[in-house]
Amino acid sequence: MKFSTWPRLLVVDVEGNGANPPDLVEIAAIPVENGEPQPDALREWLIRPPAPIPPRITRIHGITNDMVTGAPAWVEVAGEVGSVLDSAWICAHSAGVEYGVLTRHLPGWQPAGVIDTLRLAKAALPGHKGFGLDPLIQHAGIELDSVAGTRHRAGYDAHATALLLQWLAARYDTWDELITHAVPPQMPGLPAAVTPEDEHEEQTLW
């Protein structure tokens, strides 16, 4: 894989308050340049949601109502987030979650394309069992000791997903081959020669 041919790409992760539809409480975006995650350029936003975070959701991602009391509301950071994501490809694990939440929160925004590491892993590892982020990281032997933060916080999960993307991408010769397997149906970036197929993935946002 010639990583220098990649377009501008950000691996993103979001955390929510458990509402339906979900309100954002945290979002992170880490650039990938020449195939390498750039932790020094990681952007993170803690967001005060309009509805409280239930205890059951706090137990998952560790974000408490006290932590977001002084955080800005979404309307205060939406312009900044949109500016960071503008014109970029995005990548996430089970990317339908991030794509759906971000397009709902940023009316009129569309990424240049969407890469789903869950979809990519299923193409790259046929017959493998366990396509969650944790078992894939373990299977790949990816070390996370240098990743700042904790699991289920947006910055940590975005960085871990970027490392998984790097590992999976090495199995493909070209960017076009990669996105043929990585872009979910009905999402931006699917090559014109590829016919979308209906696909239903379990999608969850806490």
N, C-alpha and C. Protein backbone atom coordinates (compact mmCIF):
# COMPACT_ATOMS: atom_id res chain seq x y z
N MET A 1 0.85 -1.20 0.00
CA MET A 1 0.00 0.00 0.00
C MET A 1 0.88 1.24 0.00
N LYS A 2 0.64 2.14 -0.94
CA LYS A 2 1.35 3.40 -1.00
C LYS A 2 0.53 4.44 -0.25
N PHE A 3 0.84 4.62 1.02
CA PHE A 3 0.02 5.47 1.87
C PHE A 3 0.05 6.93 1.45
N SER A 4 1.08 7.33 0.73
CA SER A 4 1.17 8.73 0.32
C SER A 4 0.07 9.12 -0.68
N THR A 5 -0.62 8.12 -1.26
CA THR A 5 -1.70 8.40 -2.22
C THR A 5 -3.04 8.67 -1.52
N TRP A 6 -3.08 8.50 -0.20
CA TRP A 6 -4.34 8.65 0.50
C TRP A 6 -4.79 10.11 0.53
N PRO A 7 -6.08 10.35 0.43
CA PRO A 7 -6.59 11.71 0.62
C PRO A 7 -6.58 12.07 2.10
N ARG A 8 -6.96 13.30 2.40
CA ARG A 8 -7.05 13.72 3.81
C ARG A 8 -8.08 12.86 4.54
N LEU A 9 -7.66 12.26 5.66
CA LEU A 9 -8.51 11.30 6.36
C LEU A 9 -8.43 11.52 7.86
N LEU A 10 -9.57 11.47 8.52
CA LEU A 10 -9.67 11.59 9.97
C LEU A 10 -10.41 10.39 10.52
N VAL A 11 -9.81 9.74 11.51
CA VAL A 11 -10.53 8.68 12.22
C VAL A 11 -11.31 9.35 13.35
N VAL A 12 -12.60 9.08 13.41
CA VAL A 12 -13.46 9.77 14.37
C VAL A 12 -14.13 8.76 15.30
N ASP A 13 -14.47 9.26 16.48
CA ASP A 13 -15.26 8.47 17.42
C ASP A 13 -16.16 9.43 18.18
N VAL A 14 -17.37 8.97 18.49
CA VAL A 14 -18.31 9.79 19.25
C VAL A 14 -18.83 8.99 20.43
N GLU A 15 -19.18 9.71 21.48
CA GLU A 15 -19.84 9.12 22.65
C GLU A 15 -21.11 9.93 22.91
N GLY A 16 -22.16 9.23 23.36
CA GLY A 16 -23.45 9.88 23.54
C GLY A 16 -24.00 9.74 24.94
N ASN A 17 -25.22 10.25 25.13
CA ASN A 17 -25.86 10.22 26.46
C ASN A 17 -26.96 9.16 26.56
N GLY A 18 -27.07 8.31 25.54
CA GLY A 18 -28.05 7.24 25.60
C GLY A 18 -29.43 7.63 25.16
N ALA A 19 -29.64 8.90 24.78
CA ALA A 19 -30.95 9.32 24.30
C ALA A 19 -31.23 8.71 22.93
N ASN A 20 -32.47 8.76 22.50
CA ASN A 20 -32.85 8.24 21.18
C ASN A 20 -33.70 9.29 20.46
N PRO A 21 -33.13 9.99 19.45
CA PRO A 21 -31.77 9.84 18.92
C PRO A 21 -30.74 10.39 19.91
N PRO A 22 -29.49 9.93 19.80
CA PRO A 22 -28.49 10.29 20.81
C PRO A 22 -28.01 11.74 20.71
N ASP A 23 -27.73 12.30 21.88
CA ASP A 23 -27.05 13.59 21.96
C ASP A 23 -25.57 13.33 22.20
N LEU A 24 -24.72 14.13 21.58
CA LEU A 24 -23.29 13.97 21.74
C LEU A 24 -22.82 14.47 23.10
N VAL A 25 -21.91 13.71 23.71
CA VAL A 25 -21.22 14.19 24.91
C VAL A 25 -19.71 14.29 24.67
N GLU A 26 -19.21 13.59 23.64
CA GLU A 26 -17.78 13.68 23.33
C GLU A 26 -17.57 13.28 21.88
N ILE A 27 -16.64 13.96 21.24
CA ILE A 27 -16.24 13.62 19.88
C ILE A 27 -14.74 13.81 19.76
N ALA A 28 -14.09 12.94 19.01
CA ALA A 28 -12.65 13.05 18.77
C ALA A 28 -12.37 12.75 17.31
N ALA A 29 -11.32 13.37 16.79
CA ALA A 29 -10.88 13.15 15.40
C ALA A 29 -9.36 13.17 15.38
N ILE A 30 -8.78 12.10 14.84
CA ILE A 30 -7.32 12.01 14.74
C ILE A 30 -6.94 11.86 13.27
N PRO A 31 -6.05 12.72 12.76
CA PRO A 31 -5.63 12.61 11.37
C PRO A 31 -4.74 11.38 11.14
N VAL A 32 -4.82 10.84 9.94
CA VAL A 32 -3.91 9.79 9.49
C VAL A 32 -3.15 10.34 8.29
N GLU A 33 -1.83 10.41 8.42
CA GLU A 33 -0.99 10.94 7.34
C GLU A 33 0.06 9.90 6.98
N ASN A 34 0.16 9.60 5.67
CA ASN A 34 1.08 8.56 5.20
C ASN A 34 0.91 7.25 5.96
N GLY A 35 -0.35 6.95 6.28
CA GLY A 35 -0.66 5.69 6.95
C GLY A 35 -0.45 5.71 8.45
N GLU A 36 0.02 6.82 9.01
CA GLU A 36 0.34 6.90 10.43
C GLU A 36 -0.64 7.80 11.17
N PRO A 37 -1.23 7.32 12.28
CA PRO A 37 -2.02 8.21 13.11
C PRO A 37 -1.15 9.34 13.67
N GLN A 38 -1.74 10.52 13.81
CA GLN A 38 -1.01 11.70 14.28
C GLN A 38 -1.60 12.15 15.63
N PRO A 39 -1.18 11.49 16.74
CA PRO A 39 -1.79 11.82 18.04
C PRO A 39 -1.56 13.26 18.47
N ASP A 40 -0.48 13.88 18.02
CA ASP A 40 -0.24 15.28 18.39
C ASP A 40 -1.27 16.21 17.77
N ALA A 41 -1.94 15.74 16.72
CA ALA A 41 -2.96 16.56 16.04
C ALA A 41 -4.37 16.12 16.40
N LEU A 42 -4.51 15.23 17.41
CA LEU A 42 -5.83 14.78 17.84
C LEU A 42 -6.66 15.95 18.34
N ARG A 43 -7.90 16.02 17.90
CA ARG A 43 -8.84 17.03 18.38
C ARG A 43 -9.94 16.34 19.17
N GLU A 44 -10.25 16.86 20.35
CA GLU A 44 -11.28 16.29 21.21
C GLU A 44 -12.21 17.40 21.70
N TRP A 45 -13.49 17.09 21.78
CA TRP A 45 -14.47 18.03 22.31
C TRP A 45 -15.35 17.31 23.32
N LEU A 46 -15.42 17.83 24.53
CA LEU A 46 -16.39 17.38 25.52
C LEU A 46 -17.60 18.31 25.41
N ILE A 47 -18.78 17.76 25.39
CA ILE A 47 -19.98 18.52 25.05
C ILE A 47 -21.05 18.34 26.15
N ARG A 48 -21.70 19.42 26.54
CA ARG A 48 -22.79 19.36 27.51
C ARG A 48 -24.08 19.02 26.77
N PRO A 49 -24.65 17.85 27.01
CA PRO A 49 -25.86 17.46 26.27
C PRO A 49 -27.10 18.13 26.87
N PRO A 50 -28.17 18.22 26.09
CA PRO A 50 -29.40 18.83 26.60
C PRO A 50 -30.10 17.99 27.65
N ALA A 51 -29.83 16.69 27.67
CA ALA A 51 -30.42 15.80 28.67
C ALA A 51 -29.30 15.13 29.46
N PRO A 52 -29.53 14.85 30.74
CA PRO A 52 -28.48 14.25 31.57
C PRO A 52 -28.01 12.89 31.04
N ILE A 53 -26.80 12.53 31.45
CA ILE A 53 -26.24 11.22 31.11
C ILE A 53 -26.69 10.22 32.18
N PRO A 54 -27.44 9.19 31.83
CA PRO A 54 -27.88 8.20 32.83
C PRO A 54 -26.70 7.43 33.41
N PRO A 55 -26.81 6.95 34.64
CA PRO A 55 -25.71 6.18 35.26
C PRO A 55 -25.27 4.98 34.43
N ARG A 56 -26.22 4.30 33.78
CA ARG A 56 -25.86 3.11 33.00
C ARG A 56 -24.95 3.47 31.82
N ILE A 57 -25.10 4.69 31.29
CA ILE A 57 -24.26 5.12 30.18
C ILE A 57 -22.90 5.58 30.69
N THR A 58 -22.90 6.26 31.84
CA THR A 58 -21.64 6.66 32.46
C THR A 58 -20.78 5.44 32.77
N ARG A 59 -21.42 4.34 33.16
CA ARG A 59 -20.65 3.12 33.47
C ARG A 59 -19.93 2.59 32.25
N ILE A 60 -20.39 2.92 31.05
CA ILE A 60 -19.74 2.45 29.83
C ILE A 60 -18.56 3.33 29.46
N HIS A 61 -18.81 4.64 29.28
CA HIS A 61 -17.72 5.49 28.80
C HIS A 61 -17.04 6.33 29.88
N GLY A 62 -17.59 6.33 31.08
CA GLY A 62 -16.93 7.03 32.18
C GLY A 62 -17.15 8.52 32.23
N ILE A 63 -17.99 9.06 31.36
CA ILE A 63 -18.24 10.50 31.33
C ILE A 63 -19.43 10.80 32.23
N THR A 64 -19.21 11.63 33.25
CA THR A 64 -20.25 11.94 34.22
C THR A 64 -20.90 13.28 33.91
N ASN A 65 -22.04 13.51 34.52
CA ASN A 65 -22.70 14.81 34.36
C ASN A 65 -21.86 15.94 34.93
N ASP A 66 -21.13 15.69 36.01
CA ASP A 66 -20.23 16.71 36.57
C ASP A 66 -19.15 17.10 35.56
N MET A 67 -18.66 16.12 34.80
CA MET A 67 -17.60 16.39 33.83
C MET A 67 -18.06 17.30 32.71
N VAL A 68 -19.33 17.25 32.36
CA VAL A 68 -19.82 18.04 31.23
C VAL A 68 -20.56 19.31 31.66
N THR A 69 -20.66 19.52 32.98
CA THR A 69 -21.41 20.69 33.46
C THR A 69 -20.85 21.99 32.89
N GLY A 70 -19.53 22.12 32.86
CA GLY A 70 -18.90 23.34 32.35
C GLY A 70 -18.50 23.27 30.89
N ALA A 71 -18.86 22.17 30.23
CA ALA A 71 -18.49 22.01 28.82
C ALA A 71 -19.44 22.82 27.93
N PRO A 72 -19.01 23.18 26.73
CA PRO A 72 -19.90 23.91 25.83
C PRO A 72 -21.03 23.04 25.31
N ALA A 73 -22.15 23.66 25.00
CA ALA A 73 -23.23 22.96 24.31
C ALA A 73 -22.82 22.73 22.85
N TRP A 74 -23.51 21.81 22.18
CA TRP A 74 -23.15 21.48 20.81
C TRP A 74 -23.14 22.70 19.91
N VAL A 75 -24.10 23.58 20.05
CA VAL A 75 -24.19 24.75 19.18
C VAL A 75 -22.94 25.62 19.27
N GLU A 76 -22.23 25.55 20.40
CA GLU A 76 -21.03 26.36 20.60
C GLU A 76 -19.79 25.77 19.92
N VAL A 77 -19.81 24.50 19.63
CA VAL A 77 -18.63 23.86 19.02
C VAL A 77 -18.91 23.32 17.63
N ALA A 78 -20.16 23.35 17.19
CA ALA A 78 -20.52 22.74 15.91
C ALA A 78 -19.72 23.33 14.76
N GLY A 79 -19.54 24.65 14.74
CA GLY A 79 -18.78 25.28 13.66
C GLY A 79 -17.34 24.82 13.62
N GLU A 80 -16.73 24.68 14.80
CA GLU A 80 -15.34 24.24 14.87
C GLU A 80 -15.21 22.79 14.42
N VAL A 81 -16.11 21.94 14.88
CA VAL A 81 -16.08 20.53 14.47
C VAL A 81 -16.28 20.42 12.97
N GLY A 82 -17.25 21.13 12.45
CA GLY A 82 -17.51 21.10 11.01
C GLY A 82 -16.31 21.56 10.21
N SER A 83 -15.60 22.57 10.70
CA SER A 83 -14.41 23.06 10.01
C SER A 83 -13.30 22.02 9.98
N VAL A 84 -13.12 21.30 11.09
CA VAL A 84 -12.09 20.25 11.15
C VAL A 84 -12.42 19.11 10.19
N LEU A 85 -13.69 18.75 10.11
CA LEU A 85 -14.10 17.60 9.28
C LEU A 85 -14.30 17.96 7.81
N ASP A 86 -14.34 19.24 7.50
CA ASP A 86 -14.68 19.69 6.16
C ASP A 86 -13.76 19.09 5.10
N SER A 87 -14.35 18.51 4.07
CA SER A 87 -13.64 17.99 2.88
C SER A 87 -12.80 16.75 3.16
N ALA A 88 -12.89 16.19 4.35
CA ALA A 88 -12.06 15.03 4.69
C ALA A 88 -12.85 13.74 4.54
N TRP A 89 -12.14 12.65 4.29
CA TRP A 89 -12.68 11.32 4.50
C TRP A 89 -12.75 11.09 6.01
N ILE A 90 -13.74 10.31 6.46
CA ILE A 90 -13.76 9.89 7.85
C ILE A 90 -13.70 8.38 7.92
N CYS A 91 -13.20 7.90 9.04
CA CYS A 91 -13.12 6.46 9.29
C CYS A 91 -13.58 6.22 10.71
N ALA A 92 -14.30 5.12 10.92
CA ALA A 92 -14.72 4.72 12.26
C ALA A 92 -15.00 3.23 12.25
N HIS A 93 -15.07 2.66 13.45
CA HIS A 93 -15.43 1.25 13.57
C HIS A 93 -16.94 1.15 13.73
N SER A 94 -17.60 0.45 12.81
CA SER A 94 -19.06 0.50 12.66
C SER A 94 -19.45 1.93 12.34
N ALA A 95 -18.96 2.39 11.20
CA ALA A 95 -18.99 3.81 10.86
C ALA A 95 -20.39 4.39 10.66
N GLY A 96 -21.39 3.54 10.51
CA GLY A 96 -22.74 4.05 10.38
C GLY A 96 -23.17 4.88 11.58
N VAL A 97 -22.63 4.55 12.76
CA VAL A 97 -22.95 5.31 13.97
C VAL A 97 -22.43 6.73 13.85
N GLU A 98 -21.12 6.86 13.60
CA GLU A 98 -20.53 8.20 13.52
C GLU A 98 -21.11 8.99 12.35
N TYR A 99 -21.27 8.34 11.20
CA TYR A 99 -21.83 9.02 10.04
C TYR A 99 -23.23 9.53 10.32
N GLY A 100 -24.06 8.70 10.92
CA GLY A 100 -25.44 9.09 11.21
C GLY A 100 -25.52 10.23 12.21
N VAL A 101 -24.76 10.13 13.29
CA VAL A 101 -24.80 11.17 14.32
C VAL A 101 -24.25 12.49 13.79
N LEU A 102 -23.13 12.42 13.08
CA LEU A 102 -22.50 13.66 12.61
C LEU A 102 -23.34 14.35 11.53
N THR A 103 -23.93 13.59 10.63
CA THR A 103 -24.75 14.24 9.61
C THR A 103 -26.01 14.83 10.22
N ARG A 104 -26.50 14.24 11.30
CA ARG A 104 -27.68 14.80 11.97
C ARG A 104 -27.32 16.08 12.72
N HIS A 105 -26.13 16.10 13.31
CA HIS A 105 -25.71 17.27 14.10
C HIS A 105 -25.10 18.38 13.24
N LEU A 106 -24.69 18.05 12.02
CA LEU A 106 -24.07 19.04 11.13
C LEU A 106 -24.86 19.09 9.82
N PRO A 107 -26.02 19.72 9.82
CA PRO A 107 -26.84 19.78 8.61
C PRO A 107 -26.06 20.37 7.43
N GLY A 108 -26.13 19.70 6.30
CA GLY A 108 -25.44 20.16 5.10
C GLY A 108 -24.03 19.63 4.95
N TRP A 109 -23.48 19.02 6.02
CA TRP A 109 -22.12 18.46 5.93
C TRP A 109 -22.17 17.04 5.36
N GLN A 110 -21.23 16.75 4.50
CA GLN A 110 -21.01 15.39 4.02
C GLN A 110 -19.51 15.15 3.94
N PRO A 111 -19.03 14.01 4.44
CA PRO A 111 -17.61 13.70 4.27
C PRO A 111 -17.30 13.38 2.82
N ALA A 112 -16.04 13.47 2.46
CA ALA A 112 -15.62 13.08 1.11
C ALA A 112 -15.85 11.60 0.89
N GLY A 113 -15.77 10.83 1.95
CA GLY A 113 -16.00 9.39 1.90
C GLY A 113 -15.97 8.83 3.30
N VAL A 114 -16.43 7.58 3.44
CA VAL A 114 -16.53 6.93 4.75
C VAL A 114 -15.87 5.56 4.68
N ILE A 115 -14.92 5.33 5.58
CA ILE A 115 -14.29 4.02 5.71
C ILE A 115 -14.76 3.38 7.01
N ASP A 116 -15.18 2.15 6.93
CA ASP A 116 -15.65 1.40 8.10
C ASP A 116 -14.65 0.27 8.37
N THR A 117 -13.93 0.35 9.49
CA THR A 117 -12.95 -0.70 9.79
C THR A 117 -13.62 -2.02 10.13
N LEU A 118 -14.87 -2.00 10.58
CA LEU A 118 -15.61 -3.24 10.80
C LEU A 118 -15.84 -3.94 9.47
N ARG A 119 -16.32 -3.21 8.49
CA ARG A 119 -16.57 -3.77 7.16
C ARG A 119 -15.25 -4.23 6.53
N LEU A 120 -14.21 -3.43 6.69
CA LEU A 120 -12.91 -3.76 6.12
C LEU A 120 -12.35 -5.03 6.76
N ALA A 121 -12.51 -5.17 8.07
CA ALA A 121 -12.01 -6.35 8.76
C ALA A 121 -12.73 -7.61 8.29
N LYS A 122 -14.03 -7.51 8.05
CA LYS A 122 -14.77 -8.68 7.58
C LYS A 122 -14.32 -9.11 6.18
N ALA A 123 -13.91 -8.13 5.37
CA ALA A 123 -13.40 -8.47 4.04
C ALA A 123 -11.99 -9.03 4.12
N ALA A 124 -11.18 -8.47 5.02
CA ALA A 124 -9.77 -8.87 5.10
C ALA A 124 -9.56 -10.17 5.86
N LEU A 125 -10.50 -10.50 6.75
CA LEU A 125 -10.33 -11.67 7.63
C LEU A 125 -11.53 -12.61 7.52
N PRO A 126 -11.77 -13.17 6.34
CA PRO A 126 -12.92 -14.07 6.19
C PRO A 126 -12.80 -15.27 7.12
N GLY A 127 -13.89 -15.59 7.78
CA GLY A 127 -13.89 -16.73 8.68
C GLY A 127 -13.46 -16.39 10.10
N HIS A 128 -12.95 -15.19 10.30
CA HIS A 128 -12.53 -14.79 11.65
C HIS A 128 -13.76 -14.60 12.52
N LYS A 129 -13.63 -14.89 13.80
CA LYS A 129 -14.73 -14.71 14.74
C LYS A 129 -14.38 -13.55 15.68
N GLY A 130 -15.32 -12.66 15.85
CA GLY A 130 -15.10 -11.54 16.75
C GLY A 130 -14.61 -10.31 16.02
N PHE A 131 -15.54 -9.44 15.62
CA PHE A 131 -15.17 -8.25 14.85
C PHE A 131 -15.36 -6.96 15.65
N GLY A 132 -15.51 -7.08 16.95
CA GLY A 132 -15.49 -5.89 17.78
C GLY A 132 -14.10 -5.28 17.79
N LEU A 133 -14.01 -4.04 18.20
CA LEU A 133 -12.72 -3.36 18.20
C LEU A 133 -11.70 -4.08 19.08
N ASP A 134 -12.10 -4.49 20.27
CA ASP A 134 -11.15 -5.13 21.19
C ASP A 134 -10.60 -6.46 20.65
N PRO A 135 -11.44 -7.39 20.19
CA PRO A 135 -10.87 -8.64 19.66
C PRO A 135 -10.03 -8.43 18.41
N LEU A 136 -10.36 -7.46 17.59
CA LEU A 136 -9.55 -7.21 16.40
C LEU A 136 -8.18 -6.63 16.77
N ILE A 137 -8.16 -5.72 17.73
CA ILE A 137 -6.89 -5.17 18.21
C ILE A 137 -6.02 -6.29 18.78
N GLN A 138 -6.65 -7.18 19.55
CA GLN A 138 -5.91 -8.30 20.13
C GLN A 138 -5.40 -9.24 19.05
N HIS A 139 -6.26 -9.55 18.07
CA HIS A 139 -5.85 -10.44 16.98
C HIS A 139 -4.68 -9.85 16.18
N ALA A 140 -4.71 -8.55 15.98
CA ALA A 140 -3.66 -7.89 15.20
C ALA A 140 -2.37 -7.71 16.00
N GLY A 141 -2.43 -7.89 17.31
CA GLY A 141 -1.26 -7.70 18.14
C GLY A 141 -0.86 -6.23 18.24
N ILE A 142 -1.84 -5.35 18.17
CA ILE A 142 -1.56 -3.92 18.23
C ILE A 142 -1.36 -3.49 19.68
N GLU A 143 -0.24 -2.83 19.95
CA GLU A 143 0.06 -2.33 21.29
C GLU A 143 -0.63 -0.99 21.50
N LEU A 144 -1.34 -0.86 22.62
CA LEU A 144 -2.06 0.37 22.92
C LEU A 144 -1.49 1.11 24.13
N ASP A 145 -0.33 0.67 24.61
CA ASP A 145 0.26 1.28 25.80
C ASP A 145 0.52 2.77 25.62
N SER A 146 0.84 3.18 24.40
CA SER A 146 1.17 4.59 24.15
C SER A 146 -0.06 5.44 23.82
N VAL A 147 -1.24 4.80 23.76
CA VAL A 147 -2.46 5.54 23.43
C VAL A 147 -2.98 6.23 24.69
N ALA A 148 -3.15 7.53 24.62
CA ALA A 148 -3.59 8.30 25.78
C ALA A 148 -5.08 8.08 26.04
N GLY A 149 -5.44 8.06 27.34
CA GLY A 149 -6.84 7.96 27.71
C GLY A 149 -7.24 6.55 28.09
N THR A 150 -8.54 6.29 28.06
CA THR A 150 -9.09 5.00 28.45
C THR A 150 -10.11 4.53 27.42
N ARG A 151 -10.32 3.23 27.38
CA ARG A 151 -11.25 2.61 26.44
C ARG A 151 -12.64 3.19 26.62
N HIS A 152 -13.31 3.43 25.52
CA HIS A 152 -14.65 4.01 25.41
C HIS A 152 -14.67 5.52 25.58
N ARG A 153 -13.51 6.14 25.75
CA ARG A 153 -13.45 7.58 25.59
C ARG A 153 -13.10 7.85 24.13
N ALA A 154 -13.62 8.95 23.59
CA ALA A 154 -13.56 9.16 22.15
C ALA A 154 -12.14 9.24 21.61
N GLY A 155 -11.26 9.94 22.32
CA GLY A 155 -9.89 10.08 21.84
C GLY A 155 -9.15 8.76 21.79
N TYR A 156 -9.32 7.96 22.83
CA TYR A 156 -8.66 6.65 22.88
C TYR A 156 -9.17 5.74 21.78
N ASP A 157 -10.49 5.67 21.64
CA ASP A 157 -11.07 4.76 20.64
C ASP A 157 -10.73 5.19 19.22
N ALA A 158 -10.67 6.51 18.97
CA ALA A 158 -10.30 6.98 17.64
C ALA A 158 -8.86 6.59 17.32
N HIS A 159 -7.96 6.76 18.29
CA HIS A 159 -6.55 6.40 18.06
C HIS A 159 -6.41 4.89 17.85
N ALA A 160 -7.10 4.10 18.68
CA ALA A 160 -7.03 2.64 18.52
C ALA A 160 -7.57 2.21 17.16
N THR A 161 -8.65 2.83 16.72
CA THR A 161 -9.22 2.50 15.41
C THR A 161 -8.28 2.90 14.29
N ALA A 162 -7.57 4.02 14.45
CA ALA A 162 -6.59 4.43 13.44
C ALA A 162 -5.47 3.41 13.31
N LEU A 163 -5.04 2.83 14.43
CA LEU A 163 -4.00 1.79 14.38
C LEU A 163 -4.53 0.52 13.72
N LEU A 164 -5.80 0.20 13.98
CA LEU A 164 -6.40 -0.95 13.31
C LEU A 164 -6.51 -0.71 11.81
N LEU A 165 -6.90 0.50 11.42
CA LEU A 165 -6.97 0.84 10.00
C LEU A 165 -5.60 0.66 9.34
N GLN A 166 -4.56 1.14 9.99
CA GLN A 166 -3.20 1.00 9.46
C GLN A 166 -2.86 -0.47 9.23
N TRP A 167 -3.20 -1.33 10.19
CA TRP A 167 -2.90 -2.75 10.09
C TRP A 167 -3.71 -3.41 8.97
N LEU A 168 -4.97 -3.08 8.88
CA LEU A 168 -5.82 -3.67 7.84
C LEU A 168 -5.43 -3.18 6.45
N ALA A 169 -5.10 -1.90 6.34
CA ALA A 169 -4.79 -1.30 5.03
C ALA A 169 -3.55 -1.92 4.41
N ALA A 170 -2.64 -2.41 5.23
CA ALA A 170 -1.42 -3.01 4.71
C ALA A 170 -1.69 -4.26 3.88
N ARG A 171 -2.90 -4.80 3.98
CA ARG A 171 -3.27 -5.99 3.21
C ARG A 171 -3.70 -5.68 1.78
N TYR A 172 -3.82 -4.39 1.46
CA TYR A 172 -4.31 -3.99 0.15
C TYR A 172 -3.23 -3.23 -0.61
N ASP A 173 -3.24 -3.36 -1.93
CA ASP A 173 -2.19 -2.76 -2.76
C ASP A 173 -2.44 -1.30 -3.06
N THR A 174 -3.71 -0.90 -3.19
CA THR A 174 -4.01 0.46 -3.61
C THR A 174 -5.16 1.03 -2.78
N TRP A 175 -5.26 2.35 -2.79
CA TRP A 175 -6.37 3.04 -2.13
C TRP A 175 -7.71 2.60 -2.72
N ASP A 176 -7.79 2.51 -4.05
CA ASP A 176 -9.04 2.12 -4.69
C ASP A 176 -9.48 0.73 -4.28
N GLU A 177 -8.53 -0.19 -4.15
CA GLU A 177 -8.87 -1.53 -3.70
C GLU A 177 -9.38 -1.50 -2.26
N LEU A 178 -8.73 -0.70 -1.44
CA LEU A 178 -9.12 -0.57 -0.04
C LEU A 178 -10.56 -0.07 0.09
N ILE A 179 -10.89 1.03 -0.59
CA ILE A 179 -12.21 1.61 -0.40
C ILE A 179 -13.31 0.76 -1.02
N THR A 180 -12.96 -0.06 -2.01
CA THR A 180 -13.95 -0.98 -2.56
C THR A 180 -14.50 -1.90 -1.48
N HIS A 181 -13.63 -2.27 -0.52
CA HIS A 181 -14.04 -3.16 0.56
C HIS A 181 -14.47 -2.42 1.82
N ALA A 182 -14.09 -1.14 1.94
CA ALA A 182 -14.25 -0.45 3.22
C ALA A 182 -15.42 0.51 3.30
N VAL A 183 -15.93 0.97 2.15
CA VAL A 183 -17.01 1.97 2.17
C VAL A 183 -18.36 1.26 2.24
N PRO A 184 -19.16 1.55 3.27
CA PRO A 184 -20.47 0.89 3.38
C PRO A 184 -21.42 1.34 2.28
N PRO A 185 -22.38 0.50 1.92
CA PRO A 185 -23.38 0.89 0.93
C PRO A 185 -24.12 2.16 1.36
N GLN A 186 -24.46 2.97 0.38
CA GLN A 186 -25.24 4.19 0.57
C GLN A 186 -24.47 5.28 1.31
N MET A 187 -23.16 5.14 1.44
CA MET A 187 -22.36 6.18 2.08
C MET A 187 -21.38 6.76 1.07
N PRO A 188 -20.93 8.00 1.27
CA PRO A 188 -20.04 8.64 0.30
C PRO A 188 -18.72 7.89 0.15
N GLY A 189 -18.19 7.93 -1.08
CA GLY A 189 -16.86 7.38 -1.33
C GLY A 189 -16.83 6.06 -2.05
N LEU A 190 -17.97 5.41 -2.20
CA LEU A 190 -17.99 4.12 -2.87
C LEU A 190 -17.63 4.31 -4.34
N PRO A 191 -16.64 3.59 -4.84
CA PRO A 191 -16.26 3.74 -6.26
C PRO A 191 -17.44 3.50 -7.18
N ALA A 192 -17.49 4.25 -8.26
CA ALA A 192 -18.63 4.18 -9.18
C ALA A 192 -18.82 2.79 -9.76
N ALA A 193 -17.73 2.04 -9.90
CA ALA A 193 -17.82 0.71 -10.51
C ALA A 193 -18.37 -0.33 -9.56
N VAL A 194 -18.52 0.02 -8.28
CA VAL A 194 -18.99 -0.94 -7.29
C VAL A 194 -20.48 -0.75 -7.08
N THR A 195 -21.24 -1.82 -7.17
CA THR A 195 -22.68 -1.77 -6.95
C THR A 195 -22.97 -1.98 -5.48
N PRO A 196 -23.61 -1.01 -4.82
CA PRO A 196 -23.92 -1.17 -3.40
C PRO A 196 -24.83 -2.36 -3.16
N GLU A 197 -24.59 -3.05 -2.04
CA GLU A 197 -25.45 -4.14 -1.63
C GLU A 197 -26.06 -3.78 -0.29
N ASP A 198 -27.29 -4.20 -0.08
CA ASP A 198 -27.91 -3.94 1.21
C ASP A 198 -27.15 -4.69 2.28
N GLU A 199 -26.90 -4.00 3.37
CA GLU A 199 -26.17 -4.63 4.47
C GLU A 199 -26.65 -4.02 5.76
N HIS A 200 -26.85 -4.86 6.76
CA HIS A 200 -27.35 -4.38 8.04
C HIS A 200 -26.34 -4.77 9.12
N GLU A 201 -25.75 -3.77 9.77
CA GLU A 201 -24.81 -4.00 10.85
C GLU A 201 -25.46 -3.52 12.15
N GLU A 202 -25.10 -4.18 13.22
CA GLU A 202 -25.55 -3.70 14.53
C GLU A 202 -24.81 -2.42 14.86
N GLN A 203 -25.56 -1.37 15.18
CA GLN A 203 -24.97 -0.08 15.44
C GLN A 203 -25.42 0.44 16.79
N THR A 204 -24.46 0.86 17.60
CA THR A 204 -24.76 1.30 18.94
C THR A 204 -23.99 2.55 19.26
N LEU A 205 -24.68 3.49 19.90
CA LEU A 205 -24.00 4.67 20.44
C LEU A 205 -24.49 4.86 21.85
N TRP A 206 -23.51 4.91 22.79
CA TRP A 206 -23.91 5.08 24.20
C TRP A 206 -24.16 6.53 24.50
